[in-house]
Amino acid sequence: MAKIELQDFVKYGKLFDIYGKLLSQDRQKIVSSYFEYNMTLAEIAKEKNISRQAVLDAIDKSCEKLLEYETVLRLYEKNQVLAQELQQLADSCTDDKIKEKVAEILRKI
């Protein structure tokens, strides 16, 4: 995989939030370090006592797995659609109490 662009970085981070527990514990730690703690390949390699290439391979394979899970289950996609619909509801609503409740739900998504 080439360098991950910012929008892909965010997407993979969200996919990891949804499907991360389906990865092996070792892969979870590597991917978490990369996406959640923004560690470099070198930092992760040093911490795990493996090569940078091994870290990159683990991240690549994990991202492929996350995309596989999303292709089958579509939880991320459904979440995105739900968030858009809730935002439209909030934008069209005049009741401040309802707007605040919708905003609270959107923060949880």
N, C-alpha and C. Protein backbone atom coordinates (compact mmCIF):
# COMPACT_ATOMS: atom_id res chain seq x y z
N MET A 1 0.86 -1.17 0.00
CA MET A 1 0.00 0.00 0.00
C MET A 1 0.90 1.23 0.00
N ALA A 2 0.54 2.20 -0.77
CA ALA A 2 1.28 3.45 -0.81
C ALA A 2 0.97 4.23 0.47
N LYS A 3 1.58 5.38 0.60
CA LYS A 3 1.33 6.22 1.76
C LYS A 3 -0.17 6.49 1.88
N ILE A 4 -0.69 6.40 3.07
CA ILE A 4 -2.13 6.57 3.29
C ILE A 4 -2.45 8.06 3.32
N GLU A 5 -3.40 8.47 2.48
CA GLU A 5 -3.86 9.85 2.45
C GLU A 5 -4.71 10.12 3.69
N LEU A 6 -4.87 11.41 4.02
CA LEU A 6 -5.58 11.79 5.24
C LEU A 6 -6.99 11.22 5.28
N GLN A 7 -7.77 11.34 4.19
CA GLN A 7 -9.15 10.83 4.21
C GLN A 7 -9.17 9.32 4.39
N ASP A 8 -8.17 8.62 3.81
CA ASP A 8 -8.08 7.17 3.99
C ASP A 8 -7.66 6.84 5.42
N PHE A 9 -6.78 7.66 5.97
CA PHE A 9 -6.31 7.48 7.34
C PHE A 9 -7.51 7.51 8.29
N VAL A 10 -8.38 8.49 8.08
CA VAL A 10 -9.59 8.61 8.92
C VAL A 10 -10.51 7.42 8.70
N LYS A 11 -10.70 7.04 7.43
CA LYS A 11 -11.58 5.91 7.12
C LYS A 11 -11.07 4.62 7.76
N TYR A 12 -9.76 4.33 7.60
CA TYR A 12 -9.21 3.12 8.19
C TYR A 12 -9.28 3.17 9.71
N GLY A 13 -9.10 4.34 10.27
CA GLY A 13 -9.24 4.49 11.73
C GLY A 13 -10.64 4.13 12.19
N LYS A 14 -11.64 4.59 11.43
CA LYS A 14 -13.03 4.27 11.78
C LYS A 14 -13.33 2.79 11.56
N LEU A 15 -12.80 2.25 10.46
CA LEU A 15 -12.98 0.81 10.22
C LEU A 15 -12.35 0.01 11.35
N PHE A 16 -11.19 0.47 11.82
CA PHE A 16 -10.53 -0.21 12.94
C PHE A 16 -11.39 -0.13 14.20
N ASP A 17 -12.03 1.02 14.43
CA ASP A 17 -12.93 1.14 15.59
C ASP A 17 -14.04 0.11 15.54
N ILE A 18 -14.56 -0.11 14.33
CA ILE A 18 -15.69 -1.03 14.17
C ILE A 18 -15.25 -2.49 14.18
N TYR A 19 -14.21 -2.80 13.39
CA TYR A 19 -13.84 -4.20 13.16
C TYR A 19 -12.52 -4.62 13.81
N GLY A 20 -11.86 -3.73 14.50
CA GLY A 20 -10.53 -4.01 15.02
C GLY A 20 -10.43 -5.25 15.88
N LYS A 21 -11.46 -5.53 16.65
CA LYS A 21 -11.43 -6.70 17.54
C LYS A 21 -11.40 -8.02 16.76
N LEU A 22 -11.67 -7.97 15.47
CA LEU A 22 -11.63 -9.17 14.65
C LEU A 22 -10.22 -9.51 14.18
N LEU A 23 -9.29 -8.57 14.36
CA LEU A 23 -7.88 -8.81 14.01
C LEU A 23 -7.18 -9.52 15.17
N SER A 24 -6.05 -10.15 14.87
CA SER A 24 -5.27 -10.78 15.94
C SER A 24 -4.81 -9.70 16.91
N GLN A 25 -4.47 -10.10 18.13
CA GLN A 25 -4.03 -9.13 19.14
C GLN A 25 -2.78 -8.38 18.69
N ASP A 26 -1.87 -9.10 18.06
CA ASP A 26 -0.64 -8.46 17.58
C ASP A 26 -0.96 -7.40 16.54
N ARG A 27 -1.82 -7.74 15.60
CA ARG A 27 -2.22 -6.78 14.56
C ARG A 27 -2.98 -5.61 15.18
N GLN A 28 -3.81 -5.90 16.17
CA GLN A 28 -4.56 -4.83 16.84
C GLN A 28 -3.60 -3.80 17.43
N LYS A 29 -2.55 -4.28 18.08
CA LYS A 29 -1.58 -3.37 18.71
C LYS A 29 -0.86 -2.53 17.66
N ILE A 30 -0.46 -3.16 16.56
CA ILE A 30 0.26 -2.43 15.51
C ILE A 30 -0.65 -1.40 14.86
N VAL A 31 -1.84 -1.81 14.49
CA VAL A 31 -2.77 -0.89 13.82
C VAL A 31 -3.21 0.22 14.77
N SER A 32 -3.44 -0.12 16.01
CA SER A 32 -3.80 0.89 17.01
C SER A 32 -2.68 1.91 17.17
N SER A 33 -1.46 1.44 17.25
CA SER A 33 -0.32 2.35 17.37
C SER A 33 -0.25 3.29 16.18
N TYR A 34 -0.52 2.77 15.01
CA TYR A 34 -0.42 3.55 13.78
C TYR A 34 -1.57 4.53 13.61
N PHE A 35 -2.81 4.05 13.75
CA PHE A 35 -3.96 4.90 13.49
C PHE A 35 -4.43 5.71 14.69
N GLU A 36 -4.36 5.15 15.88
CA GLU A 36 -4.88 5.85 17.05
C GLU A 36 -3.82 6.71 17.74
N TYR A 37 -2.58 6.22 17.76
CA TYR A 37 -1.53 6.96 18.45
C TYR A 37 -0.58 7.66 17.49
N ASN A 38 -0.85 7.51 16.17
CA ASN A 38 -0.10 8.21 15.14
C ASN A 38 1.41 7.97 15.23
N MET A 39 1.78 6.76 15.60
CA MET A 39 3.20 6.41 15.68
C MET A 39 3.72 6.12 14.27
N THR A 40 4.99 6.36 14.05
CA THR A 40 5.61 6.07 12.75
C THR A 40 5.91 4.58 12.66
N LEU A 41 6.19 4.15 11.43
CA LEU A 41 6.57 2.75 11.24
C LEU A 41 7.82 2.42 12.05
N ALA A 42 8.78 3.35 12.05
CA ALA A 42 10.03 3.14 12.79
C ALA A 42 9.78 3.01 14.29
N GLU A 43 8.91 3.85 14.83
CA GLU A 43 8.60 3.78 16.26
C GLU A 43 7.93 2.45 16.63
N ILE A 44 7.00 2.03 15.80
CA ILE A 44 6.31 0.76 16.06
C ILE A 44 7.29 -0.40 15.93
N ALA A 45 8.14 -0.35 14.90
CA ALA A 45 9.13 -1.41 14.68
C ALA A 45 10.06 -1.53 15.88
N LYS A 46 10.51 -0.40 16.38
CA LYS A 46 11.41 -0.41 17.53
C LYS A 46 10.71 -0.99 18.76
N GLU A 47 9.47 -0.56 18.98
CA GLU A 47 8.71 -1.03 20.14
C GLU A 47 8.44 -2.53 20.06
N LYS A 48 8.15 -3.04 18.85
CA LYS A 48 7.81 -4.46 18.67
C LYS A 48 9.05 -5.31 18.37
N ASN A 49 10.18 -4.65 18.18
CA ASN A 49 11.44 -5.32 17.84
C ASN A 49 11.31 -6.12 16.53
N ILE A 50 10.73 -5.46 15.53
CA ILE A 50 10.59 -6.04 14.20
C ILE A 50 11.01 -4.99 13.17
N SER A 51 11.09 -5.36 11.92
CA SER A 51 11.51 -4.41 10.89
C SER A 51 10.36 -3.47 10.52
N ARG A 52 10.73 -2.33 9.93
CA ARG A 52 9.72 -1.39 9.44
C ARG A 52 8.87 -2.07 8.37
N GLN A 53 9.50 -2.91 7.54
CA GLN A 53 8.78 -3.61 6.48
C GLN A 53 7.73 -4.55 7.08
N ALA A 54 8.08 -5.21 8.18
CA ALA A 54 7.12 -6.10 8.84
C ALA A 54 5.93 -5.30 9.38
N VAL A 55 6.20 -4.12 9.90
CA VAL A 55 5.12 -3.25 10.39
C VAL A 55 4.23 -2.84 9.23
N LEU A 56 4.85 -2.40 8.14
CA LEU A 56 4.09 -1.98 6.96
C LEU A 56 3.25 -3.13 6.42
N ASP A 57 3.83 -4.32 6.34
CA ASP A 57 3.08 -5.49 5.87
C ASP A 57 1.88 -5.78 6.78
N ALA A 58 2.09 -5.69 8.08
CA ALA A 58 1.01 -5.94 9.04
C ALA A 58 -0.11 -4.91 8.87
N ILE A 59 0.26 -3.66 8.67
CA ILE A 59 -0.73 -2.60 8.48
C ILE A 59 -1.48 -2.82 7.16
N ASP A 60 -0.73 -3.11 6.10
CA ASP A 60 -1.36 -3.36 4.78
C ASP A 60 -2.36 -4.52 4.86
N LYS A 61 -1.93 -5.63 5.41
CA LYS A 61 -2.80 -6.81 5.49
C LYS A 61 -4.00 -6.56 6.40
N SER A 62 -3.77 -5.81 7.45
CA SER A 62 -4.87 -5.48 8.36
C SER A 62 -5.89 -4.57 7.67
N CYS A 63 -5.40 -3.60 6.91
CA CYS A 63 -6.31 -2.71 6.18
C CYS A 63 -7.11 -3.49 5.14
N GLU A 64 -6.47 -4.42 4.49
CA GLU A 64 -7.18 -5.28 3.53
C GLU A 64 -8.28 -6.06 4.24
N LYS A 65 -7.96 -6.59 5.42
CA LYS A 65 -8.94 -7.35 6.19
C LYS A 65 -10.10 -6.46 6.62
N LEU A 66 -9.78 -5.25 7.09
CA LEU A 66 -10.82 -4.32 7.51
C LEU A 66 -11.76 -4.01 6.34
N LEU A 67 -11.20 -3.82 5.15
CA LEU A 67 -12.02 -3.56 3.97
C LEU A 67 -12.86 -4.78 3.60
N GLU A 68 -12.31 -5.97 3.78
CA GLU A 68 -13.08 -7.21 3.54
C GLU A 68 -14.29 -7.27 4.46
N TYR A 69 -14.06 -6.99 5.74
CA TYR A 69 -15.16 -7.01 6.71
C TYR A 69 -16.23 -5.99 6.32
N GLU A 70 -15.79 -4.81 5.91
CA GLU A 70 -16.74 -3.75 5.52
C GLU A 70 -17.51 -4.15 4.28
N THR A 71 -16.86 -4.81 3.33
CA THR A 71 -17.53 -5.26 2.11
C THR A 71 -18.68 -6.21 2.43
N VAL A 72 -18.47 -7.05 3.41
CA VAL A 72 -19.50 -8.03 3.78
C VAL A 72 -20.55 -7.42 4.71
N LEU A 73 -20.12 -6.72 5.75
CA LEU A 73 -21.04 -6.28 6.80
C LEU A 73 -21.60 -4.87 6.59
N ARG A 74 -20.84 -4.00 5.95
CA ARG A 74 -21.25 -2.63 5.62
C ARG A 74 -21.67 -1.78 6.84
N LEU A 75 -21.08 -2.01 7.99
CA LEU A 75 -21.42 -1.24 9.19
C LEU A 75 -20.95 0.21 9.09
N TYR A 76 -19.78 0.42 8.53
CA TYR A 76 -19.25 1.78 8.36
C TYR A 76 -20.15 2.57 7.42
N GLU A 77 -20.52 1.95 6.31
CA GLU A 77 -21.38 2.61 5.32
C GLU A 77 -22.73 2.98 5.94
N LYS A 78 -23.31 2.05 6.68
CA LYS A 78 -24.61 2.29 7.32
C LYS A 78 -24.49 3.42 8.35
N ASN A 79 -23.38 3.44 9.05
CA ASN A 79 -23.13 4.50 10.03
C ASN A 79 -23.05 5.86 9.36
N GLN A 80 -22.36 5.92 8.21
CA GLN A 80 -22.22 7.17 7.46
C GLN A 80 -23.59 7.68 6.98
N VAL A 81 -24.41 6.77 6.46
CA VAL A 81 -25.74 7.14 5.98
C VAL A 81 -26.59 7.65 7.14
N LEU A 82 -26.53 6.95 8.26
CA LEU A 82 -27.28 7.36 9.44
C LEU A 82 -26.84 8.75 9.92
N ALA A 83 -25.54 8.99 9.93
CA ALA A 83 -25.01 10.29 10.35
C ALA A 83 -25.50 11.40 9.42
N GLN A 84 -25.51 11.15 8.12
CA GLN A 84 -25.99 12.14 7.16
C GLN A 84 -27.47 12.44 7.38
N GLU A 85 -28.25 11.40 7.59
CA GLU A 85 -29.68 11.59 7.82
C GLU A 85 -29.95 12.35 9.11
N LEU A 86 -29.20 12.04 10.14
CA LEU A 86 -29.35 12.77 11.40
C LEU A 86 -28.95 14.24 11.25
N GLN A 87 -27.89 14.49 10.48
CA GLN A 87 -27.46 15.87 10.25
C GLN A 87 -28.52 16.65 9.49
N GLN A 88 -29.14 16.01 8.50
CA GLN A 88 -30.23 16.65 7.76
C GLN A 88 -31.40 16.96 8.67
N LEU A 89 -31.70 16.04 9.57
CA LEU A 89 -32.77 16.25 10.54
C LEU A 89 -32.44 17.45 11.43
N ALA A 90 -31.22 17.51 11.92
CA ALA A 90 -30.81 18.61 12.78
C ALA A 90 -30.87 19.94 12.04
N ASP A 91 -30.44 19.93 10.78
CA ASP A 91 -30.43 21.16 9.98
C ASP A 91 -31.83 21.68 9.70
N SER A 92 -32.80 20.77 9.58
CA SER A 92 -34.16 21.19 9.23
C SER A 92 -35.04 21.42 10.47
N CYS A 93 -34.55 21.07 11.62
CA CYS A 93 -35.33 21.16 12.85
C CYS A 93 -35.25 22.57 13.45
N THR A 94 -36.36 23.02 14.01
CA THR A 94 -36.37 24.33 14.67
C THR A 94 -36.37 24.21 16.19
N ASP A 95 -36.65 23.03 16.69
CA ASP A 95 -36.70 22.79 18.13
C ASP A 95 -35.27 22.58 18.66
N ASP A 96 -34.83 23.50 19.52
CA ASP A 96 -33.45 23.44 20.04
C ASP A 96 -33.19 22.18 20.86
N LYS A 97 -34.19 21.70 21.56
CA LYS A 97 -34.03 20.50 22.38
C LYS A 97 -33.75 19.29 21.49
N ILE A 98 -34.49 19.19 20.40
CA ILE A 98 -34.29 18.08 19.46
C ILE A 98 -32.95 18.22 18.77
N LYS A 99 -32.59 19.45 18.37
CA LYS A 99 -31.29 19.68 17.73
C LYS A 99 -30.15 19.23 18.62
N GLU A 100 -30.24 19.55 19.91
CA GLU A 100 -29.19 19.18 20.86
C GLU A 100 -29.12 17.66 21.02
N LYS A 101 -30.26 17.01 21.07
CA LYS A 101 -30.29 15.55 21.20
C LYS A 101 -29.69 14.88 19.96
N VAL A 102 -30.01 15.40 18.78
CA VAL A 102 -29.44 14.87 17.53
C VAL A 102 -27.94 15.09 17.52
N ALA A 103 -27.49 16.26 17.94
CA ALA A 103 -26.05 16.55 18.00
C ALA A 103 -25.35 15.60 18.95
N GLU A 104 -25.99 15.27 20.07
CA GLU A 104 -25.42 14.32 21.03
C GLU A 104 -25.29 12.93 20.40
N ILE A 105 -26.29 12.51 19.65
CA ILE A 105 -26.25 11.21 18.98
C ILE A 105 -25.14 11.21 17.93
N LEU A 106 -25.00 12.29 17.18
CA LEU A 106 -23.96 12.38 16.14
C LEU A 106 -22.56 12.30 16.74
N ARG A 107 -22.38 12.86 17.92
CA ARG A 107 -21.06 12.77 18.57
C ARG A 107 -20.70 11.33 18.94
N LYS A 108 -21.72 10.52 19.21
CA LYS A 108 -21.50 9.12 19.58
C LYS A 108 -21.17 8.24 18.39
N ILE A 109 -21.58 8.69 17.21
CA ILE A 109 -21.38 7.85 16.01
C ILE A 109 -19.95 7.84 15.58
